[in-house]
Protein backbone atom coordinates (compact mmCIF):
# COMPACT_ATOMS: atom_id res chain seq x y z
CA UNK A 1 -0.93 -175.70 148.63
CA UNK A 2 -1.66 -174.01 152.49
CA UNK A 3 -4.34 -171.22 150.57
CA UNK A 4 -5.89 -174.26 148.52
CA UNK A 5 -6.42 -176.40 151.95
CA UNK A 6 -7.67 -173.38 153.76
CA UNK A 7 -10.36 -172.49 151.19
CA UNK A 8 -11.46 -175.92 150.78
CA UNK A 9 -11.52 -176.64 154.81
CA UNK A 10 -13.99 -173.31 154.51
CA UNK A 11 -15.88 -174.67 151.48
CA UNK A 12 -17.18 -177.91 154.36
CA UNK A 13 -17.66 -175.73 157.60
CA UNK A 14 -14.67 -173.54 158.38
CA UNK A 15 -16.80 -170.31 159.51
CA UNK A 16 -13.89 -168.36 160.69
CA UNK A 17 -14.25 -164.82 160.24
CA UNK A 18 -10.90 -163.50 161.25
CA UNK A 19 -7.78 -164.29 162.31
CA UNK A 20 -6.81 -164.56 166.20
CA UNK A 21 -4.04 -165.23 168.54
CA UNK A 22 -4.50 -168.31 170.83
CA UNK A 23 -3.38 -165.35 173.67
CA UNK A 24 -5.38 -163.15 172.96
CA UNK A 25 -8.24 -164.74 174.38
CA UNK A 26 -6.77 -168.23 176.32
CA UNK A 27 -4.84 -169.14 179.05
CA UNK A 28 -3.16 -172.73 178.38
CA UNK A 29 -4.76 -174.20 180.76
CA UNK A 30 -8.00 -176.91 179.19
CA UNK A 31 -11.53 -175.98 180.32
CA UNK A 32 -13.82 -179.36 180.65
CA UNK A 33 -17.24 -179.17 180.11
CA UNK A 34 -19.21 -182.48 181.63
CA UNK A 35 -22.46 -182.23 180.02
CA UNK A 36 -25.65 -184.86 180.01
CA UNK A 37 -27.45 -186.01 176.86
CA UNK A 38 -30.76 -187.12 177.35
CA UNK A 39 -33.99 -188.04 175.97
CA UNK A 40 -35.89 -190.34 173.68
CA UNK A 41 -36.34 -190.05 169.58
CA UNK A 42 -38.80 -187.11 169.92
CA UNK A 43 -37.20 -185.22 172.48
CA UNK A 44 -33.50 -184.33 174.12
CA UNK A 45 -32.10 -181.83 176.25
CA UNK A 46 -28.34 -181.10 177.33
CA UNK A 47 -27.43 -180.18 180.68
CA UNK A 48 -24.32 -179.03 182.26
CA UNK A 49 -23.08 -181.10 184.75
CA UNK A 50 -19.47 -179.78 186.12
CA UNK A 51 -16.69 -177.72 185.42
CA UNK A 52 -13.06 -178.37 185.27
CA UNK A 53 -9.99 -176.59 184.65
CA UNK A 54 -7.07 -178.87 183.80
CA UNK A 55 -3.58 -177.30 183.36
CA UNK A 56 -2.25 -177.28 180.08
CA UNK A 57 -3.84 -176.92 176.84
CA UNK A 58 -3.15 -180.09 174.19
CA UNK A 59 -5.63 -179.09 171.54
CA UNK A 60 -5.55 -176.95 168.43
CA UNK A 61 -3.96 -173.54 168.43
CA UNK A 62 -4.55 -172.19 164.92
CA UNK A 63 -7.95 -172.42 163.20
CA UNK A 64 -9.19 -171.81 166.53
CA UNK A 65 -12.53 -170.78 165.39
CA UNK A 66 -12.62 -173.28 162.64
CA UNK A 67 -14.08 -176.95 162.39
CA UNK A 68 -12.71 -179.34 159.62
CA UNK A 69 -15.68 -181.85 159.66
CA UNK A 70 -19.58 -181.39 160.42
CA UNK A 71 -19.85 -183.88 162.72
CA UNK A 72 -22.91 -184.76 164.40
CA UNK A 73 -22.93 -181.67 166.95
CA UNK A 74 -20.63 -178.30 167.75
CA UNK A 75 -19.57 -177.19 170.56
CA UNK A 76 -19.02 -173.16 169.95
CA UNK A 77 -17.64 -170.53 172.63
CA UNK A 78 -18.06 -167.28 172.10
CA UNK A 79 -16.69 -164.13 173.95
CA UNK A 80 -18.87 -162.35 175.75
CA UNK A 81 -18.07 -158.79 175.70
CA UNK A 82 -17.30 -158.80 171.41
CA UNK A 83 -19.60 -161.55 170.86
CA UNK A 84 -16.96 -162.77 168.09
CA UNK A 85 -16.71 -166.86 168.29
CA UNK A 86 -13.10 -167.45 169.81
CA UNK A 87 -13.43 -171.14 169.80
CA UNK A 88 -15.01 -174.19 167.80
CA UNK A 89 -14.84 -177.73 167.37
CA UNK A 90 -17.12 -180.76 165.99
CA UNK A 91 -18.13 -184.21 167.41
CA UNK A 92 -20.28 -187.16 167.08
CA UNK A 93 -21.54 -189.25 170.82
CA UNK A 94 -22.87 -192.63 171.03
CA UNK A 95 -26.37 -190.84 172.66
CA UNK A 96 -27.25 -189.49 168.81
CA UNK A 97 -26.23 -192.69 167.57
CA UNK A 98 -28.66 -194.58 169.62
CA UNK A 99 -31.50 -192.41 169.33
CA UNK A 100 -31.47 -194.21 165.42
CA UNK A 101 -31.94 -197.88 167.31
CA UNK A 102 -35.69 -198.70 167.60
CA UNK A 103 -34.92 -198.54 171.74
CA UNK A 104 -34.88 -194.92 171.14
CA UNK A 105 -38.47 -195.10 170.66
CA UNK A 106 -39.76 -196.09 173.55
CA UNK A 107 -37.48 -195.37 176.00
CA UNK A 108 -35.49 -192.19 177.54
CA UNK A 109 -32.14 -192.50 178.37
CA UNK A 110 -28.88 -190.44 179.42
CA UNK A 111 -25.17 -190.37 178.29
CA UNK A 112 -22.33 -188.65 180.15
CA UNK A 113 -20.20 -186.50 177.73
CA UNK A 114 -17.09 -184.42 178.32
CA UNK A 115 -15.24 -181.88 176.16
CA UNK A 116 -12.17 -179.91 176.22
CA UNK A 117 -11.77 -176.13 174.83
CA UNK A 118 -9.35 -173.96 175.80
CA UNK A 119 -9.40 -172.27 179.14
CA UNK A 120 -11.32 -168.80 178.44
CA UNK A 121 -9.92 -165.42 179.84
CA UNK A 122 -12.77 -163.63 180.36
CA UNK A 123 -16.59 -164.22 180.15
CA UNK A 124 -17.19 -166.60 177.36
CA UNK A 125 -21.12 -168.08 176.28
CA UNK A 126 -20.82 -171.83 175.18
CA UNK A 127 -23.33 -173.19 172.80
CA UNK A 128 -24.01 -177.18 172.48
CA UNK A 129 -25.55 -177.49 169.21
CA UNK A 130 -26.89 -181.81 168.69
CA UNK A 131 -27.82 -182.29 165.28
CA UNK A 132 -29.96 -185.56 163.83
CA UNK A 133 -28.62 -187.70 161.03
CA UNK A 134 -30.63 -185.74 158.78
CA UNK A 135 -28.21 -183.03 159.76
CA UNK A 136 -30.50 -180.82 161.49
CA UNK A 137 -30.30 -179.18 164.94
CA UNK A 138 -32.05 -181.08 167.14
CA UNK A 139 -31.23 -179.96 170.79
CA UNK A 140 -29.34 -176.63 171.62
CA UNK A 141 -27.87 -175.67 175.19
CA UNK A 142 -25.80 -172.24 175.55
CA UNK A 143 -24.67 -171.08 179.10
CA UNK A 144 -22.14 -168.81 180.14
CA UNK A 145 -19.00 -169.44 182.01
CA UNK A 146 -16.92 -167.28 184.17
CA UNK A 147 -13.47 -168.27 184.64
CA UNK A 148 -12.97 -167.32 188.61
CA UNK A 149 -16.35 -169.01 189.37
CA UNK A 150 -15.02 -170.55 192.64
CA UNK A 151 -17.19 -173.79 191.74
CA UNK A 152 -14.77 -174.99 188.45
CA UNK A 153 -13.21 -178.24 189.83
CA UNK A 154 -9.20 -177.95 189.65
CA UNK A 155 -8.04 -181.27 188.58
CA UNK A 156 -5.01 -182.58 187.05
CA UNK A 157 -2.53 -180.55 189.61
CA UNK A 158 -1.89 -183.68 191.74
CA UNK A 159 -2.11 -187.36 191.67
CA UNK A 160 -1.64 -187.37 188.25
CA UNK A 161 -1.91 -190.88 186.74
CA UNK A 162 1.05 -192.43 185.96
CA UNK A 163 2.43 -192.43 181.77
CA UNK A 164 5.37 -192.72 179.76
CA UNK A 165 6.17 -190.85 176.51
CA UNK A 166 6.22 -193.28 173.28
CA UNK A 167 7.09 -190.63 170.93
CA UNK A 168 7.44 -186.87 170.92
CA UNK A 169 6.59 -184.59 168.41
CA UNK A 170 9.45 -182.99 166.03
CA UNK A 171 7.36 -179.56 167.33
CA UNK A 172 5.21 -179.77 170.22
CA UNK A 173 4.03 -176.95 169.81
CA UNK A 174 2.06 -177.75 166.13
CA UNK A 175 1.38 -181.50 167.09
CA UNK A 176 -1.40 -184.05 167.24
CA UNK A 177 -1.58 -185.25 171.09
CA UNK A 178 -2.84 -189.04 171.35
CA UNK A 179 -3.12 -190.91 174.67
CA UNK A 180 -3.07 -194.44 174.91
CA UNK A 181 -5.07 -195.44 177.88
CA UNK A 182 -5.10 -199.28 179.68
CA UNK A 183 -8.43 -200.83 180.25
CA UNK A 184 -9.15 -204.43 182.06
CA UNK A 185 -5.17 -204.40 182.90
CA UNK A 186 -4.60 -204.95 186.32
CA UNK A 187 -1.36 -202.99 188.14
CA UNK A 188 0.86 -206.13 187.27
CA UNK A 189 -0.25 -206.36 183.51
CA UNK A 190 0.48 -202.85 182.96
CA UNK A 191 3.60 -203.64 181.32
CA UNK A 192 1.92 -205.82 179.15
CA UNK A 193 -0.36 -202.39 178.31
CA UNK A 194 2.89 -200.87 177.61
CA UNK A 195 4.01 -203.58 174.87
CA UNK A 196 0.08 -203.34 173.41
CA UNK A 197 0.25 -199.73 173.20
CA UNK A 198 3.72 -200.19 170.99
CA UNK A 199 1.67 -202.88 168.92
CA UNK A 200 -0.04 -200.17 168.26
CA UNK A 201 1.44 -197.32 167.56
CA UNK A 202 3.76 -199.65 165.00
CA UNK A 203 0.12 -200.52 163.60
CA UNK A 204 -1.24 -196.64 163.16
CA UNK A 205 2.24 -195.24 161.23
CA UNK A 206 2.63 -198.17 158.96
CA UNK A 207 -0.48 -196.75 156.68
CA UNK A 208 -0.27 -193.90 154.52
CA UNK A 209 -0.63 -190.94 155.60
CA UNK A 210 0.70 -191.50 158.93
CA UNK A 211 3.36 -193.05 158.32
CA UNK A 212 4.63 -190.03 155.98
CA UNK A 213 3.38 -187.20 159.01
CA UNK A 214 4.47 -189.37 162.01
CA UNK A 215 6.70 -186.69 163.17
CA UNK A 216 3.28 -184.79 163.53
CA UNK A 217 2.17 -186.83 166.29
CA UNK A 218 3.10 -186.85 170.18
CA UNK A 219 2.43 -190.31 172.27
CA UNK A 220 1.99 -191.06 175.91
CA UNK A 221 0.49 -194.26 177.12
CA UNK A 222 -1.50 -193.87 180.85
CA UNK A 223 -0.64 -196.49 183.38
CA UNK A 224 -5.10 -196.48 184.63
CA UNK A 225 -4.85 -200.01 186.83
CA UNK A 226 -8.16 -201.93 186.77
CA UNK A 227 -9.52 -203.75 190.14
CA UNK A 228 -10.13 -207.19 187.40
CA UNK A 229 -8.20 -208.05 184.26
CA UNK A 230 -10.57 -208.30 180.51
CA UNK A 231 -13.91 -206.28 180.29
CA UNK A 232 -17.87 -206.72 180.88
CA UNK A 233 -19.36 -209.16 178.40
CA UNK A 234 -23.31 -208.64 179.07
CA UNK A 235 -24.02 -211.17 176.81
CA UNK A 236 -22.42 -214.37 179.05
CA UNK A 237 -23.45 -212.98 181.98
CA UNK A 238 -20.05 -211.27 183.40
CA UNK A 239 -19.48 -207.95 184.29
CA UNK A 240 -16.14 -206.45 185.39
CA UNK A 241 -14.74 -203.60 187.66
CA UNK A 242 -12.64 -202.13 185.37
CA UNK A 243 -11.56 -198.54 185.24
CA UNK A 244 -13.40 -197.83 182.63
CA UNK A 245 -16.53 -200.06 183.11
CA UNK A 246 -16.49 -200.98 179.60
CA UNK A 247 -18.06 -203.74 177.90
CA UNK A 248 -19.37 -205.26 174.91
CA UNK A 249 -22.63 -205.35 173.60
CA UNK A 250 -23.70 -201.78 173.21
CA UNK A 251 -27.02 -201.26 171.82
CA UNK A 252 -26.95 -205.64 172.05
CA UNK A 253 -24.82 -205.76 169.06
CA UNK A 254 -22.48 -208.23 169.97
CA UNK A 255 -19.25 -206.64 168.83
CA UNK A 256 -19.60 -203.03 169.41
CA UNK A 257 -17.15 -202.09 172.43
CA UNK A 258 -17.96 -199.05 174.78
CA UNK A 259 -17.62 -197.47 177.85
CA UNK A 260 -20.65 -195.07 179.06
CA UNK A 261 -18.25 -193.79 181.64
CA UNK A 262 -16.52 -190.68 179.78
CA UNK A 263 -15.88 -188.92 183.00
CA UNK A 264 -14.09 -191.87 185.02
CA UNK A 265 -11.80 -191.69 181.73
CA UNK A 266 -10.95 -187.88 181.72
CA UNK A 267 -10.46 -187.93 185.76
CA UNK A 268 -7.83 -190.82 184.25
CA UNK A 269 -6.40 -188.51 182.03
CA UNK A 270 -6.47 -185.50 183.67
CA UNK A 271 -2.70 -183.53 183.91
CA UNK A 272 -1.46 -186.02 180.89
CA UNK A 273 -0.78 -184.27 177.70
CA UNK A 274 -4.03 -185.71 175.96
CA UNK A 275 -6.61 -184.44 173.14
CA UNK A 276 -7.19 -187.64 171.40
CA UNK A 277 -7.80 -190.81 172.80
CA UNK A 278 -7.21 -194.80 172.10
CA UNK A 279 -8.69 -197.17 175.00
CA UNK A 280 -7.09 -200.59 174.55
CA UNK A 281 -9.08 -202.53 176.40
CA UNK A 282 -7.04 -206.92 177.63
CA UNK A 283 -9.27 -208.75 176.27
CA UNK A 284 -9.06 -212.16 173.49
CA UNK A 285 -11.95 -210.90 172.33
CA UNK A 286 -12.82 -209.78 168.92
CA UNK A 287 -14.72 -206.10 168.78
CA UNK A 288 -14.05 -202.05 168.90
CA UNK A 289 -15.63 -198.87 168.70
CA UNK A 290 -14.53 -195.43 167.42
CA UNK A 291 -16.59 -191.91 168.23
CA UNK A 292 -15.39 -189.12 166.63
CA UNK A 293 -13.35 -186.54 168.64
CA UNK A 294 -14.34 -188.54 171.53
CA UNK A 295 -12.63 -191.97 171.64
CA UNK A 296 -11.92 -195.09 170.74
CA UNK A 297 -12.11 -199.16 171.86
CA UNK A 298 -9.71 -202.09 171.08
CA UNK A 299 -9.29 -205.46 172.52
CA UNK A 300 -5.77 -206.35 171.98
CA UNK A 301 -4.99 -210.14 171.99
CA UNK A 302 -7.41 -211.05 169.34
CA UNK A 303 -5.30 -211.67 165.99
CA UNK A 304 -7.08 -208.67 163.67
CA UNK A 305 -5.86 -205.94 166.80
CA UNK A 306 -4.18 -204.41 164.38
CA UNK A 307 -6.40 -203.32 161.35
CA UNK A 308 -9.31 -203.04 164.47
CA UNK A 309 -7.36 -200.73 166.18
CA UNK A 310 -5.96 -198.41 163.19
CA UNK A 311 -10.04 -198.62 161.88
CA UNK A 312 -11.45 -197.70 164.59
CA UNK A 313 -8.81 -194.60 164.93
CA UNK A 314 -10.19 -193.77 161.59
CA UNK A 315 -13.35 -193.03 162.98
CA UNK A 316 -12.36 -191.30 166.21
CA UNK A 317 -9.86 -188.94 164.90
CA UNK A 318 -10.87 -188.32 161.23
CA UNK A 319 -14.61 -189.04 161.35
CA UNK A 320 -14.62 -191.71 158.76
CA UNK A 321 -17.59 -194.09 158.11
CA UNK A 322 -18.08 -197.52 157.73
CA UNK A 323 -17.51 -198.68 154.31
CA UNK A 324 -19.22 -201.71 155.04
CA UNK A 325 -23.24 -202.80 154.41
CA UNK A 326 -25.58 -205.85 155.80
CA UNK A 327 -26.85 -207.52 153.56
CA UNK A 328 -29.83 -208.15 156.07
CA UNK A 329 -29.76 -205.42 158.99
CA UNK A 330 -30.22 -202.28 157.73
CA UNK A 331 -28.82 -199.25 160.53
CA UNK A 332 -30.94 -196.26 159.23
CA UNK A 333 -28.49 -193.80 159.97
CA UNK A 334 -28.26 -192.22 156.77
CA UNK A 335 -31.16 -191.05 154.35
CA UNK A 336 -30.72 -191.62 151.15
CA UNK A 337 -32.21 -188.24 150.70
CA UNK A 338 -29.35 -186.21 153.09
CA UNK A 339 -25.71 -185.83 152.13
CA UNK A 340 -23.37 -187.27 155.07
CA UNK A 341 -21.02 -185.17 156.86
CA UNK A 342 -18.56 -188.07 156.46
CA UNK A 343 -16.41 -187.57 154.28
CA UNK A 344 -15.73 -190.58 152.76
CA UNK A 345 -19.44 -191.95 152.40
CA UNK A 346 -22.04 -190.45 149.88
CA UNK A 347 -25.64 -190.45 148.64
CA UNK A 348 -25.15 -188.83 145.87
CA UNK A 349 -27.14 -185.87 147.15
CA UNK A 350 -24.91 -183.15 146.85
CA UNK A 351 -21.71 -185.23 145.97
CA UNK A 352 -19.99 -181.75 145.29
CA UNK A 353 -17.05 -181.29 147.37
CA UNK A 354 -16.47 -184.83 148.18
CA UNK A 355 -14.01 -186.81 146.06
CA UNK A 356 -15.27 -185.93 142.85
CA UNK A 357 -11.73 -184.51 141.65
CA UNK A 358 -10.55 -187.84 142.12
CA UNK A 359 -12.79 -189.35 139.50
CA UNK A 360 -10.65 -189.96 136.04
CA UNK A 361 -13.17 -188.40 133.21
CA UNK A 362 -13.84 -192.20 131.82
CA UNK A 363 -15.03 -193.84 135.07
CA UNK A 364 -18.84 -193.45 134.98
CA UNK A 365 -20.71 -192.34 137.88
CA UNK A 366 -21.96 -194.73 139.80
CA UNK A 367 -19.57 -197.01 139.33
CA UNK A 368 -21.09 -200.65 138.51
CA UNK A 369 -19.63 -202.86 140.58
CA UNK A 370 -17.34 -205.28 138.50
CA UNK A 371 -13.52 -205.65 138.42
CA UNK A 372 -12.67 -203.37 135.74
CA UNK A 373 -12.87 -200.57 138.29
CA UNK A 374 -11.49 -202.66 141.00
CA UNK A 375 -8.22 -199.78 140.89
CA UNK A 376 -9.79 -196.70 140.12
CA UNK A 377 -11.82 -193.97 142.40
CA UNK A 378 -15.42 -193.97 141.80
CA UNK A 379 -18.73 -194.18 143.51
CA UNK A 380 -19.42 -197.82 145.16
CA UNK A 381 -22.56 -198.47 146.14
CA UNK A 382 -22.63 -200.47 149.49
CA UNK A 383 -21.54 -198.30 152.38
CA UNK A 384 -22.59 -197.15 155.78
CA UNK A 385 -24.32 -200.18 156.67
CA UNK A 386 -26.42 -199.87 153.58
CA UNK A 387 -26.63 -202.26 150.81
CA UNK A 388 -28.29 -199.60 148.24
CA UNK A 389 -28.51 -195.84 148.44
CA UNK A 390 -25.24 -195.02 150.44
CA UNK A 391 -21.50 -195.04 148.02
CA UNK A 392 -17.75 -195.23 149.31
CA UNK A 393 -15.23 -193.71 146.65
CA UNK A 394 -13.39 -197.46 146.58
CA UNK A 395 -13.59 -201.01 146.18
CA UNK A 396 -11.92 -201.72 149.35
CA UNK A 397 -10.43 -199.96 152.06
CA UNK A 398 -9.18 -200.37 155.67
CA UNK A 399 -12.77 -198.45 156.79
CA UNK A 400 -14.31 -201.20 154.57
CA UNK A 401 -12.41 -204.50 155.57
CA UNK A 402 -9.98 -205.85 157.86
CA UNK A 403 -8.49 -208.13 154.98
CA UNK A 404 -7.54 -204.04 152.99
CA UNK A 405 -3.92 -203.64 154.00
CA UNK A 406 -4.46 -199.49 153.09
CA UNK A 407 -6.75 -196.40 153.69
CA UNK A 408 -8.54 -195.64 150.21
CA UNK A 409 -7.83 -192.69 148.10
CA UNK A 410 -10.45 -190.82 149.15
CA UNK A 411 -9.79 -191.49 153.56
CA UNK A 412 -5.82 -190.90 152.36
CA UNK A 413 -6.40 -187.33 151.34
CA UNK A 414 -9.23 -187.18 154.09
CA UNK A 415 -6.81 -187.81 156.85
CA UNK A 416 -3.77 -185.76 155.07
CA UNK A 417 -6.03 -182.47 155.29
CA UNK A 418 -6.91 -183.17 159.00
CA UNK A 419 -3.53 -183.65 160.24
CA UNK A 420 -2.53 -180.78 158.28
CA UNK A 421 -5.59 -178.63 159.54
CA UNK A 422 -4.03 -179.49 163.08
CA UNK A 423 0.08 -178.97 162.81
CA UNK A 424 0.66 -176.51 159.79
């Protein structure tokens, strides 16, 4: 089974050419690299902002030169002496999403981005690639990191943000580290934050396959206090002084809640055991957002809090795409002649290797929209914000509606594969 999983992962982006031990090239520390991405729809640039070193490494220690899903960009670490790829990971960013909006045609903007890699023992060359929605490299930067550089900032060694362990993994050397971070909770409201974390944790592990694989997750709650309660709501003229300066109306979308202050986010987390980040926002308003291998945010005091926080984790942890579609607004994120990298979306441009093996022989492709096929895996039109040309694998799913109580078979398999990638 593990051999089959390895072969599958290699077909979708694992570019490892040799096996290696973590200790061969890395210390048990984290190198945090802060970048600025800037530009517009026509030209993009990547700049290094700052290098930081943090005690302990909480990311993957196996499959170091592999990535399970392509994302909209990759970071690659190469040993300078040997030229070997010793670490890779994939990600998506708000900057790349913004490039698909009309605003990017007329104005240049800059976005903070932060990436974590294990601290190298010796000099390395780090390459960062950003890709457009046609999966083509649109910007790239290679820079050298010398581990004994005196200007690498040491953080997380003292004045670490207080945190509590919500759940300890069965094996902390082979687990997935999640940190819940408080946003918009004043000091006296942090006990409420802890309660909200516990609600979110139980909501996540009520879903398969997280439920069956729960002991592979290590979870902490990080108590980052805000000066004011809540979050900013630009559409209402409300601006709050909070730990992460989050706000609704991202890209002028009313329910889209994000933060652009990624350096602040990682400063709060420095010294805590984390890799994947879930930000809980103290608000009664409906909203959230999730970016693959970056972070997700969800408001905590709306009646749909639990399904939203689970849905957004599907984005940030697994890279699952949205399976809903707008009848009027169509966001041009998925060209119909290019196969999406997301494991639960297809344009049928290159469906091979997605979920075709889950479709029974008597289910037509594409599946008509009718109730006869509502219990079967197929190819259902209407996904990725498009009513036409983008398809999902099941009639309904947690990635499509808040009302559906579970992830569909296609998403469940993608989640299982990723958890096993990190932990076996």
